[in-house]
Structures are given as structure tokens and as C-alpha cells.
Amino acid sequence: MAKTWQKVAGLRRKISSPRADACSDFNSCSTSSSVAEKGHFNMYTLEGKRFMVPLAYLDNNIFKELLRISEEEFGLPCGGPITLPCDAASMEA
């Protein structure tokens, strides 16, 4: 688990917005709706906080690595939510 957190910490330092018109930070993308807005998808943190993420982030190599780490930790969801291996504070920073 410590190795995973080191990877996430490294990714967090490197991640940047893929497009200027995409949501510039996850804090403004946070939502209470279970349905994502057009052009977005929902993801959850370890404590269950939901974030609406722009689809443009799927083209970001660093975000792809974060999803790969999530798959290693939690497996592929079958009709369920995607959980990221980090807490809400990391997503909002």
C-alpha cells in the first residue's frame, strides 16, 4: 500500500489539465449528483467522495497511470463505480 501511495504522490505532483477548456481542478468538478454531466464521468475516492471528471482527462498519460493503479488495487468494476487509490484532499489539491 505504501508503494501505491508513493506512486499517487508522484502523479499528483505531475498531473496537469489536458485542455484549457476542461475543468481546471477536481474541486470545481465535485458533484452530489450520481449522473455525470455531458462530457464528464464520475469517480470516487477511498472515503467515497464522488468527483465529476472531464472526459478529456482520459487522454492524459498521468491520469491513465492513476487508473491503472486503481485497477491493480481494486480490480475492474463490473457495473459499479471507479475508485481512485487516493483521498479527497489529494483530488481537490
PDB file of N, CA and C in Angstrom:
ATOM      1  N   MET A   1       0.825  -1.194   0.000  1.00  0.00           N
ATOM      2  CA  MET A   1       0.000   0.000   0.000  1.00  0.00           C
ATOM      3  C   MET A   1       0.869   1.258   0.000  1.00  0.00           C
ATOM      4  N   ALA A   2       1.975   1.223   0.744  1.00  0.00           N
ATOM      5  CA  ALA A   2       2.859   2.389   0.792  1.00  0.00           C
ATOM      6  C   ALA A   2       3.423   2.701  -0.590  1.00  0.00           C
ATOM      7  N   LYS A   3       3.741   1.654  -1.347  1.00  0.00           N
ATOM      8  CA  LYS A   3       4.261   1.844  -2.695  1.00  0.00           C
ATOM      9  C   LYS A   3       3.225   2.539  -3.578  1.00  0.00           C
ATOM     10  N   THR A   4       1.962   2.146  -3.428  1.00  0.00           N
ATOM     11  CA  THR A   4       0.887   2.770  -4.195  1.00  0.00           C
ATOM     12  C   THR A   4       0.774   4.250  -3.855  1.00  0.00           C
ATOM     13  N   TRP A   5       0.843   4.588  -2.561  1.00  0.00           N
ATOM     14  CA  TRP A   5       0.738   5.988  -2.154  1.00  0.00           C
ATOM     15  C   TRP A   5       1.900   6.806  -2.694  1.00  0.00           C
ATOM     16  N   GLN A   6       3.094   6.201  -2.770  1.00  0.00           N
ATOM     17  CA  GLN A   6       4.235   6.910  -3.342  1.00  0.00           C
ATOM     18  C   GLN A   6       3.985   7.210  -4.813  1.00  0.00           C
ATOM     19  N   LYS A   7       3.413   6.234  -5.537  1.00  0.00           N
ATOM     20  CA  LYS A   7       3.091   6.442  -6.945  1.00  0.00           C
ATOM     21  C   LYS A   7       2.071   7.568  -7.101  1.00  0.00           C
ATOM     22  N   VAL A   8       1.029   7.538  -6.279  1.00  0.00           N
ATOM     23  CA  VAL A   8      -0.019   8.559  -6.361  1.00  0.00           C
ATOM     24  C   VAL A   8       0.554   9.933  -6.038  1.00  0.00           C
ATOM     25  N   ALA A   9       1.411  10.001  -5.028  1.00  0.00           N
ATOM     26  CA  ALA A   9       2.019  11.281  -4.661  1.00  0.00           C
ATOM     27  C   ALA A   9       2.855  11.821  -5.815  1.00  0.00           C
ATOM     28  N   GLY A  10       3.590  10.947  -6.477  1.00  0.00           N
ATOM     29  CA  GLY A  10       4.381  11.361  -7.629  1.00  0.00           C
ATOM     30  C   GLY A  10       3.505  11.826  -8.772  1.00  0.00           C
ATOM     31  N   LEU A  11       2.402  11.119  -9.005  1.00  0.00           N
ATOM     32  CA  LEU A  11       1.476  11.501 -10.067  1.00  0.00           C
ATOM     33  C   LEU A  11       0.835  12.841  -9.767  1.00  0.00           C
ATOM     34  N   ARG A  12       0.479  13.053  -8.518  1.00  0.00           N
ATOM     35  CA  ARG A  12      -0.189  14.291  -8.122  1.00  0.00           C
ATOM     36  C   ARG A  12       0.686  15.502  -8.417  1.00  0.00           C
ATOM     37  N   ARG A  13       1.999  15.345  -8.218  1.00  0.00           N
ATOM     38  CA  ARG A  13       2.907  16.459  -8.487  1.00  0.00           C
ATOM     39  C   ARG A  13       3.002  16.753  -9.977  1.00  0.00           C
ATOM     40  N   LYS A  14       2.804  15.724 -10.819  1.00  0.00           N
ATOM     41  CA  LYS A  14       2.995  15.868 -12.256  1.00  0.00           C
ATOM     42  C   LYS A  14       1.721  16.186 -13.028  1.00  0.00           C
ATOM     43  N   ILE A  15       0.549  15.873 -12.476  1.00  0.00           N
ATOM     44  CA  ILE A  15      -0.690  15.967 -13.255  1.00  0.00           C
ATOM     45  C   ILE A  15      -1.007  17.412 -13.613  1.00  0.00           C
ATOM     46  N   SER A  16      -1.504  17.582 -14.813  1.00  0.00           N
ATOM     47  CA  SER A  16      -1.932  18.900 -15.269  1.00  0.00           C
ATOM     48  C   SER A  16      -3.175  18.733 -16.116  1.00  0.00           C
ATOM     49  N   SER A  17      -3.894  19.815 -16.321  1.00  0.00           N
ATOM     50  CA  SER A  17      -5.116  19.757 -17.125  1.00  0.00           C
ATOM     51  C   SER A  17      -4.768  19.463 -18.571  1.00  0.00           C
ATOM     52  N   PRO A  18      -5.475  18.529 -19.203  1.00  0.00           N
ATOM     53  CA  PRO A  18      -5.193  18.225 -20.590  1.00  0.00           C
ATOM     54  C   PRO A  18      -5.635  19.316 -21.558  1.00  0.00           C
ATOM     55  N   ARG A  19      -6.670  20.080 -21.210  1.00  0.00           N
ATOM     56  CA  ARG A  19      -7.172  21.141 -22.082  1.00  0.00           C
ATOM     57  C   ARG A  19      -7.517  22.353 -21.230  1.00  0.00           C
ATOM     58  N   ALA A  20      -7.353  23.519 -21.802  1.00  0.00           N
ATOM     59  CA  ALA A  20      -7.680  24.741 -21.068  1.00  0.00           C
ATOM     60  C   ALA A  20      -9.171  24.865 -20.823  1.00  0.00           C
ATOM     61  N   ASP A  21     -10.017  24.343 -21.737  1.00  0.00           N
ATOM     62  CA  ASP A  21     -11.457  24.480 -21.555  1.00  0.00           C
ATOM     63  C   ASP A  21     -12.054  23.369 -20.696  1.00  0.00           C
ATOM     64  N   ALA A  22     -11.244  22.380 -20.348  1.00  0.00           N
ATOM     65  CA  ALA A  22     -11.712  21.320 -19.451  1.00  0.00           C
ATOM     66  C   ALA A  22     -11.719  21.869 -18.033  1.00  0.00           C
ATOM     67  N   CYS A  23     -12.407  21.194 -17.160  1.00  0.00           N
ATOM     68  CA  CYS A  23     -12.458  21.610 -15.760  1.00  0.00           C
ATOM     69  C   CYS A  23     -11.032  21.689 -15.228  1.00  0.00           C
ATOM     70  N   SER A  24     -10.629  22.821 -14.693  1.00  0.00           N
ATOM     71  CA  SER A  24      -9.236  23.024 -14.331  1.00  0.00           C
ATOM     72  C   SER A  24      -8.836  22.356 -13.030  1.00  0.00           C
ATOM     73  N   ASP A  25      -9.783  22.026 -12.167  1.00  0.00           N
ATOM     74  CA  ASP A  25      -9.433  21.275 -10.969  1.00  0.00           C
ATOM     75  C   ASP A  25     -10.623  20.438 -10.536  1.00  0.00           C
ATOM     76  N   PHE A  26     -10.327  19.376  -9.808  1.00  0.00           N
ATOM     77  CA  PHE A  26     -11.373  18.452  -9.414  1.00  0.00           C
ATOM     78  C   PHE A  26     -12.341  19.082  -8.425  1.00  0.00           C
ATOM     79  N   ASN A  27     -11.899  20.055  -7.646  1.00  0.00           N
ATOM     80  CA  ASN A  27     -12.764  20.669  -6.656  1.00  0.00           C
ATOM     81  C   ASN A  27     -13.996  21.276  -7.315  1.00  0.00           C
ATOM     82  N   SER A  28     -13.822  21.963  -8.425  1.00  0.00           N
ATOM     83  CA  SER A  28     -14.968  22.570  -9.088  1.00  0.00           C
ATOM     84  C   SER A  28     -15.798  21.539  -9.830  1.00  0.00           C
ATOM     85  N   CYS A  29     -15.261  20.336  -9.989  1.00  0.00           N
ATOM     86  CA  CYS A  29     -15.991  19.270 -10.667  1.00  0.00           C
ATOM     87  C   CYS A  29     -16.738  18.390  -9.673  1.00  0.00           C
ATOM     88  N   SER A  30     -16.528  18.591  -8.390  1.00  0.00           N
ATOM     89  CA  SER A  30     -17.197  17.771  -7.388  1.00  0.00           C
ATOM     90  C   SER A  30     -18.701  17.952  -7.503  1.00  0.00           C
ATOM     91  N   THR A  31     -19.431  16.877  -7.310  1.00  0.00           N
ATOM     92  CA  THR A  31     -20.872  16.928  -7.515  1.00  0.00           C
ATOM     93  C   THR A  31     -21.590  16.031  -6.525  1.00  0.00           C
ATOM     94  N   SER A  32     -22.849  16.308  -6.297  1.00  0.00           N
ATOM     95  CA  SER A  32     -23.660  15.437  -5.450  1.00  0.00           C
ATOM     96  C   SER A  32     -24.584  14.574  -6.292  1.00  0.00           C
ATOM     97  N   SER A  33     -24.650  14.816  -7.603  1.00  0.00           N
ATOM     98  CA  SER A  33     -25.500  14.033  -8.492  1.00  0.00           C
ATOM     99  C   SER A  33     -24.813  12.724  -8.844  1.00  0.00           C
ATOM    100  N   SER A  34     -25.589  11.641  -8.946  1.00  0.00           N
ATOM    101  CA  SER A  34     -24.997  10.358  -9.312  1.00  0.00           C
ATOM    102  C   SER A  34     -24.845  10.228 -10.819  1.00  0.00           C
ATOM    103  N   VAL A  35     -25.435  11.147 -11.583  1.00  0.00           N
ATOM    104  CA  VAL A  35     -25.335  11.129 -13.036  1.00  0.00           C
ATOM    105  C   VAL A  35     -24.369  12.231 -13.464  1.00  0.00           C
ATOM    106  N   ALA A  36     -23.368  11.854 -14.249  1.00  0.00           N
ATOM    107  CA  ALA A  36     -22.371  12.826 -14.696  1.00  0.00           C
ATOM    108  C   ALA A  36     -22.960  13.733 -15.772  1.00  0.00           C
ATOM    109  N   GLU A  37     -22.477  14.961 -15.797  1.00  0.00           N
ATOM    110  CA  GLU A  37     -22.877  15.897 -16.847  1.00  0.00           C
ATOM    111  C   GLU A  37     -22.268  15.451 -18.169  1.00  0.00           C
ATOM    112  N   LYS A  38     -22.803  15.967 -19.256  1.00  0.00           N
ATOM    113  CA  LYS A  38     -22.284  15.643 -20.582  1.00  0.00           C
ATOM    114  C   LYS A  38     -20.795  15.987 -20.644  1.00  0.00           C
ATOM    115  N   GLY A  39     -19.998  15.057 -21.169  1.00  0.00           N
ATOM    116  CA  GLY A  39     -18.565  15.273 -21.294  1.00  0.00           C
ATOM    117  C   GLY A  39     -17.776  14.964 -20.041  1.00  0.00           C
ATOM    118  N   HIS A  40     -18.402  14.346 -19.043  1.00  0.00           N
ATOM    119  CA  HIS A  40     -17.759  14.017 -17.773  1.00  0.00           C
ATOM    120  C   HIS A  40     -18.084  12.583 -17.367  1.00  0.00           C
ATOM    121  N   PHE A  41     -17.345  12.065 -16.388  1.00  0.00           N
ATOM    122  CA  PHE A  41     -17.666  10.786 -15.768  1.00  0.00           C
ATOM    123  C   PHE A  41     -17.397  10.905 -14.276  1.00  0.00           C
ATOM    124  N   ASN A  42     -18.030  10.045 -13.493  1.00  0.00           N
ATOM    125  CA  ASN A  42     -17.881  10.090 -12.044  1.00  0.00           C
ATOM    126  C   ASN A  42     -16.832   9.096 -11.585  1.00  0.00           C
ATOM    127  N   MET A  43     -16.051   9.500 -10.588  1.00  0.00           N
ATOM    128  CA  MET A  43     -15.077   8.636  -9.931  1.00  0.00           C
ATOM    129  C   MET A  43     -15.210   8.878  -8.439  1.00  0.00           C
ATOM    130  N   TYR A  44     -14.743   7.919  -7.648  1.00  0.00           N
ATOM    131  CA  TYR A  44     -14.833   8.003  -6.197  1.00  0.00           C
ATOM    132  C   TYR A  44     -13.452   7.890  -5.578  1.00  0.00           C
ATOM    133  N   THR A  45     -13.270   8.544  -4.429  1.00  0.00           N
ATOM    134  CA  THR A  45     -12.028   8.427  -3.677  1.00  0.00           C
ATOM    135  C   THR A  45     -12.177   7.308  -2.654  1.00  0.00           C
ATOM    136  N   LEU A  46     -11.104   7.030  -1.923  1.00  0.00           N
ATOM    137  CA  LEU A  46     -11.126   5.948  -0.938  1.00  0.00           C
ATOM    138  C   LEU A  46     -12.225   6.112   0.102  1.00  0.00           C
ATOM    139  N   GLU A  47     -12.509   7.361   0.503  1.00  0.00           N
ATOM    140  CA  GLU A  47     -13.548   7.564   1.514  1.00  0.00           C
ATOM    141  C   GLU A  47     -14.937   7.718   0.917  1.00  0.00           C
ATOM    142  N   GLY A  48     -15.051   7.526  -0.400  1.00  0.00           N
ATOM    143  CA  GLY A  48     -16.366   7.516  -1.033  1.00  0.00           C
ATOM    144  C   GLY A  48     -16.850   8.843  -1.577  1.00  0.00           C
ATOM    145  N   LYS A  49     -16.003   9.868  -1.591  1.00  0.00           N
ATOM    146  CA  LYS A  49     -16.420  11.155  -2.145  1.00  0.00           C
ATOM    147  C   LYS A  49     -16.408  11.058  -3.671  1.00  0.00           C
ATOM    148  N   ARG A  50     -17.463  11.553  -4.279  1.00  0.00           N
ATOM    149  CA  ARG A  50     -17.634  11.476  -5.728  1.00  0.00           C
ATOM    150  C   ARG A  50     -17.091  12.745  -6.392  1.00  0.00           C
ATOM    151  N   PHE A  51     -16.400  12.561  -7.520  1.00  0.00           N
ATOM    152  CA  PHE A  51     -15.881  13.662  -8.315  1.00  0.00           C
ATOM    153  C   PHE A  51     -16.321  13.487  -9.755  1.00  0.00           C
ATOM    154  N   MET A  52     -16.755  14.574 -10.377  1.00  0.00           N
ATOM    155  CA  MET A  52     -17.098  14.569 -11.786  1.00  0.00           C
ATOM    156  C   MET A  52     -15.843  15.012 -12.543  1.00  0.00           C
ATOM    157  N   VAL A  53     -15.361  14.150 -13.428  1.00  0.00           N
ATOM    158  CA  VAL A  53     -14.091  14.363 -14.114  1.00  0.00           C
ATOM    159  C   VAL A  53     -14.343  14.548 -15.612  1.00  0.00           C
ATOM    160  N   PRO A  54     -13.724  15.548 -16.237  1.00  0.00           N
ATOM    161  CA  PRO A  54     -13.892  15.735 -17.681  1.00  0.00           C
ATOM    162  C   PRO A  54     -13.352  14.538 -18.464  1.00  0.00           C
ATOM    163  N   LEU A  55     -14.052  14.137 -19.509  1.00  0.00           N
ATOM    164  CA  LEU A  55     -13.599  13.028 -20.352  1.00  0.00           C
ATOM    165  C   LEU A  55     -12.225  13.307 -20.954  1.00  0.00           C
ATOM    166  N   ALA A  56     -11.877  14.573 -21.126  1.00  0.00           N
ATOM    167  CA  ALA A  56     -10.574  14.937 -21.688  1.00  0.00           C
ATOM    168  C   ALA A  56      -9.420  14.380 -20.857  1.00  0.00           C
ATOM    169  N   TYR A  57      -9.641  14.149 -19.554  1.00  0.00           N
ATOM    170  CA  TYR A  57      -8.592  13.598 -18.697  1.00  0.00           C
ATOM    171  C   TYR A  57      -8.199  12.187 -19.112  1.00  0.00           C
ATOM    172  N   LEU A  58      -9.061  11.479 -19.844  1.00  0.00           N
ATOM    173  CA  LEU A  58      -8.743  10.119 -20.269  1.00  0.00           C
ATOM    174  C   LEU A  58      -7.604  10.099 -21.282  1.00  0.00           C
ATOM    175  N   ASP A  59      -7.287  11.222 -21.893  1.00  0.00           N
ATOM    176  CA  ASP A  59      -6.157  11.318 -22.818  1.00  0.00           C
ATOM    177  C   ASP A  59      -4.849  11.657 -22.115  1.00  0.00           C
ATOM    178  N   ASN A  60      -4.899  11.968 -20.840  1.00  0.00           N
ATOM    179  CA  ASN A  60      -3.722  12.353 -20.077  1.00  0.00           C
ATOM    180  C   ASN A  60      -2.994  11.099 -19.592  1.00  0.00           C
ATOM    181  N   ASN A  61      -1.705  10.947 -19.946  1.00  0.00           N
ATOM    182  CA  ASN A  61      -0.945   9.751 -19.577  1.00  0.00           C
ATOM    183  C   ASN A  61      -0.833   9.562 -18.074  1.00  0.00           C
ATOM    184  N   ILE A  62      -0.725  10.645 -17.344  1.00  0.00           N
ATOM    185  CA  ILE A  62      -0.620  10.534 -15.891  1.00  0.00           C
ATOM    186  C   ILE A  62      -1.940  10.051 -15.303  1.00  0.00           C
ATOM    187  N   PHE A  63      -3.044  10.546 -15.823  1.00  0.00           N
ATOM    188  CA  PHE A  63      -4.350  10.089 -15.348  1.00  0.00           C
ATOM    189  C   PHE A  63      -4.561   8.620 -15.708  1.00  0.00           C
ATOM    190  N   LYS A  64      -4.085   8.214 -16.890  1.00  0.00           N
ATOM    191  CA  LYS A  64      -4.165   6.799 -17.277  1.00  0.00           C
ATOM    192  C   LYS A  64      -3.411   5.926 -16.284  1.00  0.00           C
ATOM    193  N   GLU A  65      -2.258   6.397 -15.827  1.00  0.00           N
ATOM    194  CA  GLU A  65      -1.478   5.644 -14.840  1.00  0.00           C
ATOM    195  C   GLU A  65      -2.233   5.548 -13.519  1.00  0.00           C
ATOM    196  N   LEU A  66      -2.897   6.605 -13.119  1.00  0.00           N
ATOM    197  CA  LEU A  66      -3.708   6.581 -11.902  1.00  0.00           C
ATOM    198  C   LEU A  66      -4.830   5.553 -12.025  1.00  0.00           C
ATOM    199  N   LEU A  67      -5.445   5.467 -13.189  1.00  0.00           N
ATOM    200  CA  LEU A  67      -6.483   4.452 -13.422  1.00  0.00           C
ATOM    201  C   LEU A  67      -5.898   3.040 -13.389  1.00  0.00           C
ATOM    202  N   ARG A  68      -4.677   2.879 -13.912  1.00  0.00           N
ATOM    203  CA  ARG A  68      -4.027   1.566 -13.884  1.00  0.00           C
ATOM    204  C   ARG A  68      -3.748   1.141 -12.442  1.00  0.00           C
ATOM    205  N   ILE A  69      -3.278   2.075 -11.627  1.00  0.00           N
ATOM    206  CA  ILE A  69      -3.037   1.776 -10.213  1.00  0.00           C
ATOM    207  C   ILE A  69      -4.349   1.404  -9.533  1.00  0.00           C
ATOM    208  N   SER A  70      -5.420   2.109  -9.867  1.00  0.00           N
ATOM    209  CA  SER A  70      -6.741   1.799  -9.318  1.00  0.00           C
ATOM    210  C   SER A  70      -7.157   0.380  -9.685  1.00  0.00           C
ATOM    211  N   GLU A  71      -6.911  -0.004 -10.934  1.00  0.00           N
ATOM    212  CA  GLU A  71      -7.254  -1.360 -11.374  1.00  0.00           C
ATOM    213  C   GLU A  71      -6.466  -2.402 -10.589  1.00  0.00           C
ATOM    214  N   GLU A  72      -5.174  -2.148 -10.339  1.00  0.00           N
ATOM    215  CA  GLU A  72      -4.354  -3.074  -9.556  1.00  0.00           C
ATOM    216  C   GLU A  72      -4.876  -3.212  -8.132  1.00  0.00           C
ATOM    217  N   GLU A  73      -5.272  -2.093  -7.534  1.00  0.00           N
ATOM    218  CA  GLU A  73      -5.735  -2.093  -6.141  1.00  0.00           C
ATOM    219  C   GLU A  73      -7.130  -2.686  -5.966  1.00  0.00           C
ATOM    220  N   PHE A  74      -8.054  -2.327  -6.854  1.00  0.00           N
ATOM    221  CA  PHE A  74      -9.464  -2.647  -6.652  1.00  0.00           C
ATOM    222  C   PHE A  74     -10.068  -3.540  -7.727  1.00  0.00           C
ATOM    223  N   GLY A  75      -9.353  -3.791  -8.812  1.00  0.00           N
ATOM    224  CA  GLY A  75      -9.899  -4.572  -9.914  1.00  0.00           C
ATOM    225  C   GLY A  75     -10.774  -3.699 -10.796  1.00  0.00           C
ATOM    226  N   LEU A  76     -11.268  -4.305 -11.871  1.00  0.00           N
ATOM    227  CA  LEU A  76     -12.152  -3.581 -12.780  1.00  0.00           C
ATOM    228  C   LEU A  76     -13.583  -3.646 -12.267  1.00  0.00           C
ATOM    229  N   PRO A  77     -14.247  -2.506 -12.140  1.00  0.00           N
ATOM    230  CA  PRO A  77     -15.633  -2.532 -11.677  1.00  0.00           C
ATOM    231  C   PRO A  77     -16.543  -3.114 -12.751  1.00  0.00           C
ATOM    232  N   CYS A  78     -17.462  -3.936 -12.332  1.00  0.00           N
ATOM    233  CA  CYS A  78     -18.425  -4.534 -13.258  1.00  0.00           C
ATOM    234  C   CYS A  78     -19.774  -3.867 -13.001  1.00  0.00           C
ATOM    235  N   GLY A  79     -20.019  -2.764 -13.679  1.00  0.00           N
ATOM    236  CA  GLY A  79     -21.261  -2.032 -13.494  1.00  0.00           C
ATOM    237  C   GLY A  79     -21.266  -1.157 -12.259  1.00  0.00           C
ATOM    238  N   GLY A  80     -20.134  -1.084 -11.558  1.00  0.00           N
ATOM    239  CA  GLY A  80     -20.046  -0.268 -10.355  1.00  0.00           C
ATOM    240  C   GLY A  80     -19.135   0.924 -10.570  1.00  0.00           C
ATOM    241  N   PRO A  81     -18.912   1.704  -9.525  1.00  0.00           N
ATOM    242  CA  PRO A  81     -18.109   2.919  -9.659  1.00  0.00           C
ATOM    243  C   PRO A  81     -16.607   2.630  -9.742  1.00  0.00           C
ATOM    244  N   ILE A  82     -15.878   3.565 -10.324  1.00  0.00           N
ATOM    245  CA  ILE A  82     -14.422   3.516 -10.359  1.00  0.00           C
ATOM    246  C   ILE A  82     -13.929   4.212  -9.098  1.00  0.00           C
ATOM    247  N   THR A  83     -13.049   3.544  -8.354  1.00  0.00           N
ATOM    248  CA  THR A  83     -12.490   4.114  -7.135  1.00  0.00           C
ATOM    249  C   THR A  83     -11.014   4.400  -7.352  1.00  0.00           C
ATOM    250  N   LEU A  84     -10.606   5.625  -7.069  1.00  0.00           N
ATOM    251  CA  LEU A  84      -9.206   6.008  -7.193  1.00  0.00           C
ATOM    252  C   LEU A  84      -8.466   5.709  -5.896  1.00  0.00           C
ATOM    253  N   PRO A  85      -7.190   5.327  -5.976  1.00  0.00           N
ATOM    254  CA  PRO A  85      -6.414   4.989  -4.784  1.00  0.00           C
ATOM    255  C   PRO A  85      -5.851   6.231  -4.093  1.00  0.00           C
ATOM    256  N   CYS A  86      -6.715   7.196  -3.783  1.00  0.00           N
ATOM    257  CA  CYS A  86      -6.294   8.409  -3.099  1.00  0.00           C
ATOM    258  C   CYS A  86      -7.476   8.982  -2.329  1.00  0.00           C
ATOM    259  N   ASP A  87      -7.193   9.951  -1.477  1.00  0.00           N
ATOM    260  CA  ASP A  87      -8.270  10.556  -0.698  1.00  0.00           C
ATOM    261  C   ASP A  87      -8.775  11.828  -1.381  1.00  0.00           C
ATOM    262  N   ALA A  88      -9.867  12.354  -0.875  1.00  0.00           N
ATOM    263  CA  ALA A  88     -10.493  13.537  -1.476  1.00  0.00           C
ATOM    264  C   ALA A  88      -9.567  14.746  -1.429  1.00  0.00           C
ATOM    265  N   ALA A  89      -8.789  14.889  -0.369  1.00  0.00           N
ATOM    266  CA  ALA A  89      -7.880  16.030  -0.257  1.00  0.00           C
ATOM    267  C   ALA A  89      -6.862  16.036  -1.394  1.00  0.00           C
ATOM    268  N   SER A  90      -6.405  14.872  -1.813  1.00  0.00           N
ATOM    269  CA  SER A  90      -5.462  14.781  -2.935  1.00  0.00           C
ATOM    270  C   SER A  90      -6.120  15.201  -4.234  1.00  0.00           C
ATOM    271  N   MET A  91      -7.373  14.861  -4.409  1.00  0.00           N
ATOM    272  CA  MET A  91      -8.095  15.203  -5.629  1.00  0.00           C
ATOM    273  C   MET A  91      -8.404  16.697  -5.693  1.00  0.00           C
ATOM    274  N   GLU A  92      -8.635  17.314  -4.556  1.00  0.00           N
ATOM    275  CA  GLU A  92      -9.008  18.724  -4.511  1.00  0.00           C
ATOM    276  C   GLU A  92      -7.802  19.650  -4.579  1.00  0.00           C
ATOM    277  N   ALA A  93      -6.617  19.118  -4.308  1.00  0.00           N
ATOM    278  CA  ALA A  93      -5.402  19.951  -4.282  1.00  0.00           C
ATOM    279  C   ALA A  93      -4.999  20.403  -5.659  1.00  0.00           C
TER     280      ALA A  93
END
